[in-house]
Amino acid sequence: MNMERTRRGAQTEPWLTIRIACTKSTAERRVEGHSINTGGRHCQRSESRAVKEERDSLESIVALLAATLSEDARAETAVRVSQSCNSPRAVESFCRLVVNYGALTRYTTSSESDLRRLQTARDSNGILVRAVLAVNYAAPAKPQAPAVFIPDTRSADEKLRDAKASVR
């Protein structure tokens, strides 16, 4: 906290002086690394501009990555993001780039029987429904029989003869 650098100093009430000093020291910490310290308001504007630029570039990267996926994979990725991300705003902004957010939230809250009934749809909603079913209600894997081992009962001489014949 930097009380000497407040504009009003000791002429105001102590709580206001402390608040101004805290605000200025916070702004100075944000500006560290920049050659010019222009004060709180200008720093916040330039910082918010930088944050917006970073957000826009990240959105373009996500859109580029999503464009390389098939529609089924995009829908499944959106379902997984909606389940794993804690921020509803982040989920909404991701889904806005990839799928219909309203439909996704509607289908993720639907019952399995409703989704099974809707899965035959041929439009983008059907793709979302099938993605929700695949992620939330995956079919149990069928156990596969282990490969059967068939022992080779031939003698060593027979094996050697076959090996030589295959080399020629």
Foldseek 3Di string as FASTA:
>chain_A
DDLVPAPCRPVDDPVVSVVSVVQFVVLVVLCPPPPDRDTRPVSVVVVVVVVVVVVVVVLVVLLVVLVVDDLLVLLLVLLVCVVPDPDPVVSVSSCVSRHDPVLLVVLLPDDPVVLVVLCVDPDSSNSNSVSSCCVPPNDDDDDDDDDDDDDDPDDPVVVVVVVVVVVD
